[in-house]
C-alpha atoms as a PDB file:
ATOM      1  CA  UNK A   1      53.823 163.219 193.391  1.00  0.00           C
ATOM      2  CA  UNK A   2      52.158 160.519 191.117  1.00  0.00           C
ATOM      3  CA  UNK A   3      53.632 157.131 191.503  1.00  0.00           C
ATOM      4  CA  UNK A   4      54.963 155.062 188.595  1.00  0.00           C
ATOM      5  CA  UNK A   5      53.207 151.954 188.223  1.00  0.00           C
ATOM      6  CA  UNK A   6      55.266 149.030 186.902  1.00  0.00           C
ATOM      7  CA  UNK A   7      52.662 146.676 184.479  1.00  0.00           C
ATOM      8  CA  UNK A   8      53.216 143.028 185.764  1.00  0.00           C
ATOM      9  CA  UNK A   9      51.169 139.596 183.944  1.00  0.00           C
ATOM     10  CA  UNK A  10      49.062 139.896 187.392  1.00  0.00           C
ATOM     11  CA  UNK A  11      47.819 143.443 186.930  1.00  0.00           C
ATOM     12  CA  UNK A  12      47.682 143.390 183.064  1.00  0.00           C
ATOM     13  CA  UNK A  13      47.849 140.194 181.244  1.00  0.00           C
ATOM     14  CA  UNK A  14      48.742 142.100 178.141  1.00  0.00           C
ATOM     15  CA  UNK A  15      52.157 142.957 179.552  1.00  0.00           C
ATOM     16  CA  UNK A  16      52.772 138.851 179.440  1.00  0.00           C
ATOM     17  CA  UNK A  17      55.598 137.850 177.253  1.00  0.00           C
ATOM     18  CA  UNK A  18      54.859 135.982 173.929  1.00  0.00           C
ATOM     19  CA  UNK A  19      56.273 132.496 173.802  1.00  0.00           C
ATOM     20  CA  UNK A  20      56.455 131.108 170.571  1.00  0.00           C
ATOM     21  CA  UNK A  21      56.201 127.748 170.268  1.00  0.00           C
ATOM     22  CA  UNK A  22      56.640 124.692 167.648  1.00  0.00           C
ATOM     23  CA  UNK A  23      59.152 123.209 165.711  1.00  0.00           C
ATOM     24  CA  UNK A  24      61.524 124.675 162.643  1.00  0.00           C
ATOM     25  CA  UNK A  25      59.805 126.540 159.984  1.00  0.00           C
ATOM     26  CA  UNK A  26      60.137 125.003 156.796  1.00  0.00           C
ATOM     27  CA  UNK A  27      62.552 127.631 155.545  1.00  0.00           C
ATOM     28  CA  UNK A  28      64.776 126.387 158.824  1.00  0.00           C
ATOM     29  CA  UNK A  29      64.286 122.516 157.596  1.00  0.00           C
ATOM     30  CA  UNK A  30      65.423 123.278 154.095  1.00  0.00           C
ATOM     31  CA  UNK A  31      68.406 125.445 155.297  1.00  0.00           C
ATOM     32  CA  UNK A  32      69.579 122.719 157.489  1.00  0.00           C
ATOM     33  CA  UNK A  33      69.886 120.491 154.320  1.00  0.00           C
ATOM     34  CA  UNK A  34      71.527 122.849 152.049  1.00  0.00           C
ATOM     35  CA  UNK A  35      75.065 122.128 152.716  1.00  0.00           C
ATOM     36  CA  UNK A  36      74.671 118.053 152.246  1.00  0.00           C
ATOM     37  CA  UNK A  37      72.221 119.076 148.973  1.00  0.00           C
ATOM     38  CA  UNK A  38      75.142 121.677 147.674  1.00  0.00           C
ATOM     39  CA  UNK A  39      77.718 118.861 148.426  1.00  0.00           C
ATOM     40  CA  UNK A  40      76.160 116.171 146.694  1.00  0.00           C
ATOM     41  CA  UNK A  41      75.106 118.041 143.470  1.00  0.00           C
ATOM     42  CA  UNK A  42      79.094 119.864 143.215  1.00  0.00           C
ATOM     43  CA  UNK A  43      79.970 115.828 142.891  1.00  0.00           C
ATOM     44  CA  UNK A  44      77.537 114.902 140.805  1.00  0.00           C
ATOM     45  CA  UNK A  45      78.521 117.826 138.234  1.00  0.00           C
ATOM     46  CA  UNK A  46      82.226 117.453 138.874  1.00  0.00           C
ATOM     47  CA  UNK A  47      82.202 113.819 138.063  1.00  0.00           C
ATOM     48  CA  UNK A  48      80.210 114.829 135.047  1.00  0.00           C
ATOM     49  CA  UNK A  49      83.020 116.864 133.999  1.00  0.00           C
ATOM     50  CA  UNK A  50      85.726 114.949 134.565  1.00  0.00           C
ATOM     51  CA  UNK A  51      84.508 110.916 135.108  1.00  0.00           C
ATOM     52  CA  UNK A  52      88.184 110.618 136.464  1.00  0.00           C
ATOM     53  CA  UNK A  53      87.373 112.716 139.470  1.00  0.00           C
ATOM     54  CA  UNK A  54      85.200 110.167 141.378  1.00  0.00           C
ATOM     55  CA  UNK A  55      88.191 108.150 142.236  1.00  0.00           C
ATOM     56  CA  UNK A  56      89.926 107.007 145.778  1.00  0.00           C
ATOM     57  CA  UNK A  57      92.953 109.199 144.629  1.00  0.00           C
ATOM     58  CA  UNK A  58      91.097 112.304 144.024  1.00  0.00           C
ATOM     59  CA  UNK A  59      88.886 112.053 147.004  1.00  0.00           C
ATOM     60  CA  UNK A  60      91.833 111.280 149.087  1.00  0.00           C
ATOM     61  CA  UNK A  61      93.504 114.289 147.965  1.00  0.00           C
ATOM     62  CA  UNK A  62      90.243 116.685 148.400  1.00  0.00           C
ATOM     63  CA  UNK A  63      89.572 116.212 151.951  1.00  0.00           C
ATOM     64  CA  UNK A  64      93.133 116.360 153.016  1.00  0.00           C
ATOM     65  CA  UNK A  65      93.300 119.765 151.494  1.00  0.00           C
ATOM     66  CA  UNK A  66      90.277 120.502 153.282  1.00  0.00           C
ATOM     67  CA  UNK A  67      91.484 119.120 156.896  1.00  0.00           C
ATOM     68  CA  UNK A  68      92.713 122.814 157.877  1.00  0.00           C
ATOM     69  CA  UNK A  69      89.762 124.512 156.317  1.00  0.00           C
ATOM     70  CA  UNK A  70      87.775 122.032 158.408  1.00  0.00           C
ATOM     71  CA  UNK A  71      89.090 123.144 161.734  1.00  0.00           C
ATOM     72  CA  UNK A  72      89.505 126.653 161.349  1.00  0.00           C
ATOM     73  CA  UNK A  73      85.783 126.656 160.051  1.00  0.00           C
ATOM     74  CA  UNK A  74      84.526 124.527 163.058  1.00  0.00           C
ATOM     75  CA  UNK A  75      86.318 127.579 165.553  1.00  0.00           C
ATOM     76  CA  UNK A  76      84.728 130.118 164.078  1.00  0.00           C
ATOM     77  CA  UNK A  77      81.532 128.969 164.047  1.00  0.00           C
ATOM     78  CA  UNK A  78      81.299 129.356 167.622  1.00  0.00           C
ATOM     79  CA  UNK A  79      82.135 132.787 167.665  1.00  0.00           C
ATOM     80  CA  UNK A  80      79.402 133.093 164.806  1.00  0.00           C
ATOM     81  CA  UNK A  81      77.007 131.166 166.520  1.00  0.00           C
ATOM     82  CA  UNK A  82      77.226 133.497 169.549  1.00  0.00           C
ATOM     83  CA  UNK A  83      76.385 136.338 167.549  1.00  0.00           C
ATOM     84  CA  UNK A  84      80.461 137.546 166.441  1.00  0.00           C
ATOM     85  CA  UNK A  85      82.519 137.064 163.731  1.00  0.00           C
ATOM     86  CA  UNK A  86      86.197 136.243 163.916  1.00  0.00           C
ATOM     87  CA  UNK A  87      88.322 137.850 161.067  1.00  0.00           C
ATOM     88  CA  UNK A  88      91.629 137.227 162.547  1.00  0.00           C
ATOM     89  CA  UNK A  89      91.893 133.142 162.083  1.00  0.00           C
ATOM     90  CA  UNK A  90      93.484 133.090 158.558  1.00  0.00           C
ATOM     91  CA  UNK A  91      96.160 135.656 160.208  1.00  0.00           C
ATOM     92  CA  UNK A  92      96.775 133.873 163.619  1.00  0.00           C
ATOM     93  CA  UNK A  93      97.106 130.807 161.431  1.00  0.00           C
ATOM     94  CA  UNK A  94      99.750 131.985 159.586  1.00  0.00           C
ATOM     95  CA  UNK A  95     101.115 133.471 162.730  1.00  0.00           C
ATOM     96  CA  UNK A  96     101.328 130.232 163.981  1.00  0.00           C
ATOM     97  CA  UNK A  97     102.842 128.493 161.537  1.00  0.00           C
ATOM     98  CA  UNK A  98     105.956 130.631 161.536  1.00  0.00           C
ATOM     99  CA  UNK A  99     105.827 130.147 165.517  1.00  0.00           C
ATOM    100  CA  UNK A 100     105.764 126.373 165.001  1.00  0.00           C
ATOM    101  CA  UNK A 101     108.815 126.535 162.885  1.00  0.00           C
ATOM    102  CA  UNK A 102     110.823 128.666 164.943  1.00  0.00           C
ATOM    103  CA  UNK A 103     110.041 126.713 168.325  1.00  0.00           C
ATOM    104  CA  UNK A 104     110.034 122.990 166.713  1.00  0.00           C
ATOM    105  CA  UNK A 105     114.361 122.821 167.136  1.00  0.00           C
ATOM    106  CA  UNK A 106     113.871 123.521 170.867  1.00  0.00           C
ATOM    107  CA  UNK A 107     110.435 122.072 172.043  1.00  0.00           C
ATOM    108  CA  UNK A 108     110.514 119.210 169.499  1.00  0.00           C
ATOM    109  CA  UNK A 109     107.050 117.075 169.869  1.00  0.00           C
ATOM    110  CA  UNK A 110     105.580 119.651 172.514  1.00  0.00           C
ATOM    111  CA  UNK A 111     105.804 122.447 170.068  1.00  0.00           C
ATOM    112  CA  UNK A 112     101.968 121.427 168.476  1.00  0.00           C
ATOM    113  CA  UNK A 113     100.744 121.838 172.167  1.00  0.00           C
ATOM    114  CA  UNK A 114     102.603 125.105 172.674  1.00  0.00           C
ATOM    115  CA  UNK A 115     101.487 126.283 169.529  1.00  0.00           C
ATOM    116  CA  UNK A 116      98.035 125.307 169.774  1.00  0.00           C
ATOM    117  CA  UNK A 117      97.769 126.980 173.688  1.00  0.00           C
ATOM    118  CA  UNK A 118      99.504 130.232 172.356  1.00  0.00           C
ATOM    119  CA  UNK A 119      96.793 130.857 169.622  1.00  0.00           C
ATOM    120  CA  UNK A 120      94.400 129.839 172.079  1.00  0.00           C
ATOM    121  CA  UNK A 121      95.421 132.396 174.473  1.00  0.00           C
ATOM    122  CA  UNK A 122      95.764 135.130 171.827  1.00  0.00           C
ATOM    123  CA  UNK A 123      92.275 134.145 171.119  1.00  0.00           C
ATOM    124  CA  UNK A 124      91.207 134.411 174.743  1.00  0.00           C
ATOM    125  CA  UNK A 125      92.763 138.201 174.826  1.00  0.00           C
ATOM    126  CA  UNK A 126      90.623 139.327 171.880  1.00  0.00           C
ATOM    127  CA  UNK A 127      87.302 137.944 173.583  1.00  0.00           C
ATOM    128  CA  UNK A 128      88.311 139.610 176.791  1.00  0.00           C
ATOM    129  CA  UNK A 129      89.244 142.794 174.907  1.00  0.00           C
ATOM    130  CA  UNK A 130      85.573 142.243 173.252  1.00  0.00           C
ATOM    131  CA  UNK A 131      83.541 141.906 175.989  1.00  0.00           C
ATOM    132  CA  UNK A 132      85.382 143.930 178.343  1.00  0.00           C
ATOM    133  CA  UNK A 133      86.066 147.030 176.224  1.00  0.00           C
ATOM    134  CA  UNK A 134      82.638 146.733 174.583  1.00  0.00           C
ATOM    135  CA  UNK A 135      84.175 146.604 171.321  1.00  0.00           C
ATOM    136  CA  UNK A 136      82.283 145.003 168.326  1.00  0.00           C
ATOM    137  CA  UNK A 137      84.133 141.719 167.556  1.00  0.00           C
ATOM    138  CA  UNK A 138      84.528 142.830 163.968  1.00  0.00           C
ATOM    139  CA  UNK A 139      86.261 145.545 165.060  1.00  0.00           C
ATOM    140  CA  UNK A 140      88.637 143.728 167.431  1.00  0.00           C
ATOM    141  CA  UNK A 141      89.361 140.891 165.160  1.00  0.00           C
ATOM    142  CA  UNK A 142      89.910 143.494 161.982  1.00  0.00           C
ATOM    143  CA  UNK A 143      92.554 144.724 164.168  1.00  0.00           C
ATOM    144  CA  UNK A 144      94.061 141.578 165.472  1.00  0.00           C
ATOM    145  CA  UNK A 145      94.220 140.481 161.957  1.00  0.00           C
ATOM    146  CA  UNK A 146      96.405 143.169 161.361  1.00  0.00           C
ATOM    147  CA  UNK A 147      98.743 142.881 163.853  1.00  0.00           C
ATOM    148  CA  UNK A 148      98.995 139.059 163.887  1.00  0.00           C
ATOM    149  CA  UNK A 149     100.021 139.803 160.109  1.00  0.00           C
ATOM    150  CA  UNK A 150     102.568 142.320 160.758  1.00  0.00           C
ATOM    151  CA  UNK A 151     104.186 140.268 163.879  1.00  0.00           C
ATOM    152  CA  UNK A 152     104.798 137.181 161.715  1.00  0.00           C
ATOM    153  CA  UNK A 153     106.287 139.150 159.067  1.00  0.00           C
ATOM    154  CA  UNK A 154     108.416 140.916 161.723  1.00  0.00           C
ATOM    155  CA  UNK A 155     109.533 137.761 163.686  1.00  0.00           C
ATOM    156  CA  UNK A 156     110.275 135.611 159.992  1.00  0.00           C
ATOM    157  CA  UNK A 157     111.599 138.496 158.024  1.00  0.00           C
ATOM    158  CA  UNK A 158     109.176 138.723 155.857  1.00  0.00           C
ATOM    159  CA  UNK A 159     109.859 134.813 154.662  1.00  0.00           C
ATOM    160  CA  UNK A 160     109.436 131.104 154.851  1.00  0.00           C
ATOM    161  CA  UNK A 161     110.900 129.185 157.536  1.00  0.00           C
ATOM    162  CA  UNK A 162     112.010 125.388 157.254  1.00  0.00           C
ATOM    163  CA  UNK A 163     110.806 123.004 159.623  1.00  0.00           C
ATOM    164  CA  UNK A 164     113.904 121.147 160.221  1.00  0.00           C
ATOM    165  CA  UNK A 165     112.329 118.213 162.536  1.00  0.00           C
ATOM    166  CA  UNK A 166     109.725 116.420 160.256  1.00  0.00           C
ATOM    167  CA  UNK A 167     109.421 113.460 162.571  1.00  0.00           C
ATOM    168  CA  UNK A 168     106.981 115.558 165.137  1.00  0.00           C
ATOM    169  CA  UNK A 169     104.361 116.054 162.475  1.00  0.00           C
ATOM    170  CA  UNK A 170     104.782 113.013 160.543  1.00  0.00           C
ATOM    171  CA  UNK A 171     102.093 111.358 161.632  1.00  0.00           C
ATOM    172  CA  UNK A 172      99.792 113.879 160.137  1.00  0.00           C
ATOM    173  CA  UNK A 173     100.654 112.818 156.939  1.00  0.00           C
ATOM    174  CA  UNK A 174      99.517 109.122 157.668  1.00  0.00           C
ATOM    175  CA  UNK A 175      96.066 107.389 156.536  1.00  0.00           C
ATOM    176  CA  UNK A 176      93.537 105.746 158.803  1.00  0.00           C
ATOM    177  CA  UNK A 177      92.678 102.629 156.948  1.00  0.00           C
ATOM    178  CA  UNK A 178      94.904 103.184 154.279  1.00  0.00           C
ATOM    179  CA  UNK A 179      91.965 105.565 152.798  1.00  0.00           C
ATOM    180  CA  UNK A 180      91.584 108.329 155.304  1.00  0.00           C
ATOM    181  CA  UNK A 181      94.341 111.088 155.476  1.00  0.00           C
ATOM    182  CA  UNK A 182      94.980 111.445 159.204  1.00  0.00           C
ATOM    183  CA  UNK A 183      94.962 115.274 159.136  1.00  0.00           C
ATOM    184  CA  UNK A 184      91.476 114.933 157.690  1.00  0.00           C
ATOM    185  CA  UNK A 185      90.642 112.478 160.735  1.00  0.00           C
ATOM    186  CA  UNK A 186      92.113 114.551 163.302  1.00  0.00           C
ATOM    187  CA  UNK A 187      89.894 117.507 161.852  1.00  0.00           C
ATOM    188  CA  UNK A 188      86.808 115.245 162.498  1.00  0.00           C
ATOM    189  CA  UNK A 189      87.574 114.432 165.693  1.00  0.00           C
ATOM    190  CA  UNK A 190      87.995 118.099 166.514  1.00  0.00           C
ATOM    191  CA  UNK A 191      84.191 118.788 165.323  1.00  0.00           C
ATOM    192  CA  UNK A 192      83.094 115.710 166.962  1.00  0.00           C
ATOM    193  CA  UNK A 193      84.833 116.387 170.480  1.00  0.00           C
ATOM    194  CA  UNK A 194      83.779 120.228 170.317  1.00  0.00           C
ATOM    195  CA  UNK A 195      79.896 119.332 169.173  1.00  0.00           C
ATOM    196  CA  UNK A 196      79.670 116.458 171.955  1.00  0.00           C
ATOM    197  CA  UNK A 197      81.130 118.913 174.641  1.00  0.00           C
ATOM    198  CA  UNK A 198      78.541 121.408 173.790  1.00  0.00           C
ATOM    199  CA  UNK A 199      75.749 118.877 173.250  1.00  0.00           C
ATOM    200  CA  UNK A 200      76.427 117.394 176.646  1.00  0.00           C
ATOM    201  CA  UNK A 201      76.964 120.546 178.713  1.00  0.00           C
ATOM    202  CA  UNK A 202      74.548 123.490 179.320  1.00  0.00           C
ATOM    203  CA  UNK A 203      77.109 125.264 176.954  1.00  0.00           C
ATOM    204  CA  UNK A 204      74.612 124.449 173.822  1.00  0.00           C
ATOM    205  CA  UNK A 205      71.846 126.369 175.382  1.00  0.00           C
ATOM    206  CA  UNK A 206      74.361 129.653 176.496  1.00  0.00           C
ATOM    207  CA  UNK A 207      75.553 129.584 173.031  1.00  0.00           C
ATOM    208  CA  UNK A 208      72.284 129.362 171.391  1.00  0.00           C
ATOM    209  CA  UNK A 209      70.731 132.294 173.985  1.00  0.00           C
ATOM    210  CA  UNK A 210      73.455 134.805 173.217  1.00  0.00           C
ATOM    211  CA  UNK A 211      73.451 134.306 169.780  1.00  0.00           C
ATOM    212  CA  UNK A 212      69.551 134.514 169.543  1.00  0.00           C
ATOM    213  CA  UNK A 213      69.606 137.661 172.077  1.00  0.00           C
ATOM    214  CA  UNK A 214      72.178 138.831 174.116  1.00  0.00           C
ATOM    215  CA  UNK A 215      70.199 141.028 176.127  1.00  0.00           C
ATOM    216  CA  UNK A 216      67.320 138.329 177.141  1.00  0.00           C
ATOM    217  CA  UNK A 217      70.121 135.704 177.709  1.00  0.00           C
ATOM    218  CA  UNK A 218      71.984 138.203 180.384  1.00  0.00           C
ATOM    219  CA  UNK A 219      68.472 138.427 182.157  1.00  0.00           C
ATOM    220  CA  UNK A 220      68.142 134.646 181.971  1.00  0.00           C
ATOM    221  CA  UNK A 221      71.255 134.633 183.847  1.00  0.00           C
ATOM    222  CA  UNK A 222      73.195 133.131 181.042  1.00  0.00           C
ATOM    223  CA  UNK A 223      77.674 133.909 181.674  1.00  0.00           C
ATOM    224  CA  UNK A 224      77.524 135.709 178.322  1.00  0.00           C
ATOM    225  CA  UNK A 225      80.565 137.157 178.494  1.00  0.00           C
ATOM    226  CA  UNK A 226      82.220 133.867 179.533  1.00  0.00           C
ATOM    227  CA  UNK A 227      80.557 132.334 176.687  1.00  0.00           C
ATOM    228  CA  UNK A 228      81.911 134.548 174.071  1.00  0.00           C
ATOM    229  CA  UNK A 229      85.759 134.509 175.601  1.00  0.00           C
ATOM    230  CA  UNK A 230      85.279 130.974 175.197  1.00  0.00           C
ATOM    231  CA  UNK A 231      84.019 130.328 171.785  1.00  0.00           C
ATOM    232  CA  UNK A 232      87.292 133.242 170.724  1.00  0.00           C
ATOM    233  CA  UNK A 233      89.755 130.777 172.728  1.00  0.00           C
ATOM    234  CA  UNK A 234      88.605 127.940 170.944  1.00  0.00           C
ATOM    235  CA  UNK A 235      88.311 129.699 167.721  1.00  0.00           C
ATOM    236  CA  UNK A 236      92.183 130.548 168.080  1.00  0.00           C
ATOM    237  CA  UNK A 237      92.941 127.063 169.245  1.00  0.00           C
ATOM    238  CA  UNK A 238      91.785 125.851 166.149  1.00  0.00           C
ATOM    239  CA  UNK A 239      93.773 128.437 164.162  1.00  0.00           C
ATOM    240  CA  UNK A 240      96.844 127.050 165.965  1.00  0.00           C
ATOM    241  CA  UNK A 241      95.641 123.247 165.031  1.00  0.00           C
ATOM    242  CA  UNK A 242      95.182 124.233 161.433  1.00  0.00           C
ATOM    243  CA  UNK A 243      98.980 126.293 161.364  1.00  0.00           C
ATOM    244  CA  UNK A 244     100.159 122.699 162.416  1.00  0.00           C
ATOM    245  CA  UNK A 245      98.505 121.020 159.550  1.00  0.00           C
ATOM    246  CA  UNK A 246     100.050 123.377 156.913  1.00  0.00           C
ATOM    247  CA  UNK A 247     103.170 123.218 158.517  1.00  0.00           C
ATOM    248  CA  UNK A 248     103.363 119.368 158.361  1.00  0.00           C
ATOM    249  CA  UNK A 249     102.050 119.640 154.870  1.00  0.00           C
ATOM    250  CA  UNK A 250     104.153 122.353 153.643  1.00  0.00           C
ATOM    251  CA  UNK A 251     107.414 121.768 155.739  1.00  0.00           C
ATOM    252  CA  UNK A 252     107.933 125.115 156.490  1.00  0.00           C
ATOM    253  CA  UNK A 253     106.146 128.156 158.157  1.00  0.00           C
ATOM    254  CA  UNK A 254     105.334 131.600 156.222  1.00  0.00           C
ATOM    255  CA  UNK A 255     103.871 134.520 157.461  1.00  0.00           C
ATOM    256  CA  UNK A 256     101.061 134.614 154.623  1.00  0.00           C
ATOM    257  CA  UNK A 257     100.809 130.676 154.438  1.00  0.00           C
ATOM    258  CA  UNK A 258      97.240 130.728 155.469  1.00  0.00           C
ATOM    259  CA  UNK A 259      95.663 134.359 154.484  1.00  0.00           C
ATOM    260  CA  UNK A 260      93.904 132.796 151.566  1.00  0.00           C
ATOM    261  CA  UNK A 261      91.707 130.722 154.115  1.00  0.00           C
ATOM    262  CA  UNK A 262      89.987 133.657 155.599  1.00  0.00           C
ATOM    263  CA  UNK A 263      87.033 133.837 152.621  1.00  0.00           C
ATOM    264  CA  UNK A 264      86.617 130.097 152.467  1.00  0.00           C
ATOM    265  CA  UNK A 265      86.533 129.623 155.911  1.00  0.00           C
ATOM    266  CA  UNK A 266      83.926 132.410 156.009  1.00  0.00           C
ATOM    267  CA  UNK A 267      82.123 131.251 152.855  1.00  0.00           C
ATOM    268  CA  UNK A 268      82.191 127.397 154.952  1.00  0.00           C
ATOM    269  CA  UNK A 269      80.471 128.650 157.543  1.00  0.00           C
ATOM    270  CA  UNK A 270      77.718 130.325 155.905  1.00  0.00           C
ATOM    271  CA  UNK A 271      77.147 127.649 153.063  1.00  0.00           C
ATOM    272  CA  UNK A 272      76.695 125.293 156.107  1.00  0.00           C
ATOM    273  CA  UNK A 273      73.817 127.356 157.377  1.00  0.00           C
ATOM    274  CA  UNK A 274      74.989 128.920 160.330  1.00  0.00           C
ATOM    275  CA  UNK A 275      73.098 132.429 160.761  1.00  0.00           C
ATOM    276  CA  UNK A 276      75.417 135.390 160.717  1.00  0.00           C
ATOM    277  CA  UNK A 277      73.383 136.747 163.126  1.00  0.00           C
ATOM    278  CA  UNK A 278      73.911 134.005 165.335  1.00  0.00           C
ATOM    279  CA  UNK A 279      71.910 131.779 167.261  1.00  0.00           C
ATOM    280  CA  UNK A 280      71.603 128.893 164.494  1.00  0.00           C
ATOM    281  CA  UNK A 281      73.687 126.471 162.948  1.00  0.00           C
ATOM    282  CA  UNK A 282      76.271 123.597 163.672  1.00  0.00           C
ATOM    283  CA  UNK A 283      79.656 122.629 163.836  1.00  0.00           C
ATOM    284  CA  UNK A 284      78.621 119.383 161.571  1.00  0.00           C
ATOM    285  CA  UNK A 285      77.296 122.178 159.182  1.00  0.00           C
ATOM    286  CA  UNK A 286      80.236 123.835 158.990  1.00  0.00           C
ATOM    287  CA  UNK A 287      82.284 120.587 157.932  1.00  0.00           C
ATOM    288  CA  UNK A 288      80.109 120.042 155.048  1.00  0.00           C
ATOM    289  CA  UNK A 289      80.561 123.965 153.991  1.00  0.00           C
ATOM    290  CA  UNK A 290      84.213 123.439 154.279  1.00  0.00           C
ATOM    291  CA  UNK A 291      83.750 120.041 152.113  1.00  0.00           C
ATOM    292  CA  UNK A 292      81.637 121.985 149.403  1.00  0.00           C
ATOM    293  CA  UNK A 293      83.945 124.911 149.335  1.00  0.00           C
ATOM    294  CA  UNK A 294      87.172 122.681 148.970  1.00  0.00           C
ATOM    295  CA  UNK A 295      85.199 120.827 146.248  1.00  0.00           C
ATOM    296  CA  UNK A 296      84.900 124.288 144.484  1.00  0.00           C
ATOM    297  CA  UNK A 297      88.852 124.828 144.653  1.00  0.00           C
ATOM    298  CA  UNK A 298      89.487 121.596 143.311  1.00  0.00           C
ATOM    299  CA  UNK A 299      86.761 121.653 140.483  1.00  0.00           C
ATOM    300  CA  UNK A 300      87.503 125.015 139.108  1.00  0.00           C
ATOM    301  CA  UNK A 301      90.408 123.926 137.019  1.00  0.00           C
ATOM    302  CA  UNK A 302      88.584 120.622 136.022  1.00  0.00           C
ATOM    303  CA  UNK A 303      85.436 122.676 134.688  1.00  0.00           C
ATOM    304  CA  UNK A 304      88.125 125.463 132.788  1.00  0.00           C
ATOM    305  CA  UNK A 305      87.242 128.273 135.137  1.00  0.00           C
ATOM    306  CA  UNK A 306      90.593 130.478 135.948  1.00  0.00           C
ATOM    307  CA  UNK A 307      92.047 130.431 139.638  1.00  0.00           C
ATOM    308  CA  UNK A 308      91.459 134.210 139.633  1.00  0.00           C
ATOM    309  CA  UNK A 309      87.708 134.033 139.511  1.00  0.00           C
ATOM    310  CA  UNK A 310      87.830 132.012 142.819  1.00  0.00           C
ATOM    311  CA  UNK A 311      87.774 135.293 144.851  1.00  0.00           C
ATOM    312  CA  UNK A 312      84.747 136.122 142.914  1.00  0.00           C
ATOM    313  CA  UNK A 313      82.827 133.209 143.450  1.00  0.00           C
ATOM    314  CA  UNK A 314      83.756 133.280 147.521  1.00  0.00           C
ATOM    315  CA  UNK A 315      81.915 136.667 147.285  1.00  0.00           C
ATOM    316  CA  UNK A 316      79.263 135.711 145.677  1.00  0.00           C
ATOM    317  CA  UNK A 317      78.431 132.684 147.854  1.00  0.00           C
ATOM    318  CA  UNK A 318      79.259 134.396 151.010  1.00  0.00           C
ATOM    319  CA  UNK A 319      76.573 136.951 149.883  1.00  0.00           C
ATOM    320  CA  UNK A 320      74.189 134.561 148.431  1.00  0.00           C
ATOM    321  CA  UNK A 321      74.402 132.335 151.588  1.00  0.00           C
ATOM    322  CA  UNK A 322      73.793 134.919 153.977  1.00  0.00           C
ATOM    323  CA  UNK A 323      70.546 136.161 152.098  1.00  0.00           C
ATOM    324  CA  UNK A 324      69.499 132.636 152.795  1.00  0.00           C
ATOM    325  CA  UNK A 325      70.136 132.493 156.211  1.00  0.00           C
ATOM    326  CA  UNK A 326      70.306 135.658 157.855  1.00  0.00           C
ATOM    327  CA  UNK A 327      67.378 136.346 160.751  1.00  0.00           C
ATOM    328  CA  UNK A 328      65.779 139.222 159.639  1.00  0.00           C
ATOM    329  CA  UNK A 329      63.542 139.322 162.797  1.00  0.00           C
ATOM    330  CA  UNK A 330      66.670 140.212 164.652  1.00  0.00           C
ATOM    331  CA  UNK A 331      67.660 142.731 162.163  1.00  0.00           C
ATOM    332  CA  UNK A 332      64.960 145.846 162.192  1.00  0.00           C
ATOM    333  CA  UNK A 333      67.298 148.219 160.420  1.00  0.00           C
ATOM    334  CA  UNK A 334      69.839 147.084 157.513  1.00  0.00           C
ATOM    335  CA  UNK A 335      72.876 149.287 157.594  1.00  0.00           C
END
């Protein structure tokens, strides 16, 4: 009976794993600047189309509109960096606006914390289902999107719920230094805090390793399952915070309030240069991507494009951006 021989680096130098060294490629460098280039080009185009666009009032309105989208995209970016996708963020955000309006009379100011915590817990449940049941994140969050939408419709009787206590969220409608909307300042703070926590802890290497190669990350001792659950939890909490922003701006909660933000959020992530295959990207790029998408939403009517074309444009942007950022070395077969 023969004994199997296992090749080791000592017995077979050719078996030694290849180590790739060097900095980012030219394509990666160009991709990293793509959101900023797109943002500047879009601002210039809108200013040419309408010289009155580049004013303090117009820009303030644009960044105020972008705040919920920035928060949604920031949370979902973590999931994408881990190699997954969260399709439930918009539905969870809509559900959270309903919960906010319903809980506000009893909890007052604590409703903000309660809604964010509840949305974060729901996100954690999705993450646990993904890692324990070994179900693709696409399937888990697609099911979650349907479930959250249905729950929101049931508990709201398929209609909006008025926010009766506006004092709890009136601070979100204030302005920092008289120019920057508080909601956008909070969105910037969320991006900065999450980015710093990831940067200053081992989480950055854990998240990127999970996104680049989950099997290799597990062999290296990375707590892949915990990292994924953490990403889904933060994504859910960000959906809850975005819901608070929307409810404070619209003075109501609705089962469909954020449903039109799913495609823009995904577009913001991929326009920001985050690879849909995971491992490459950042929250700051998603911030720039969200601003680009917001300017597109604001600018289409300026140049005379009907709003019905928005979804077509988002679809085209997503396909083009994924084509530019996709790491094809990780996808041997395109299905």
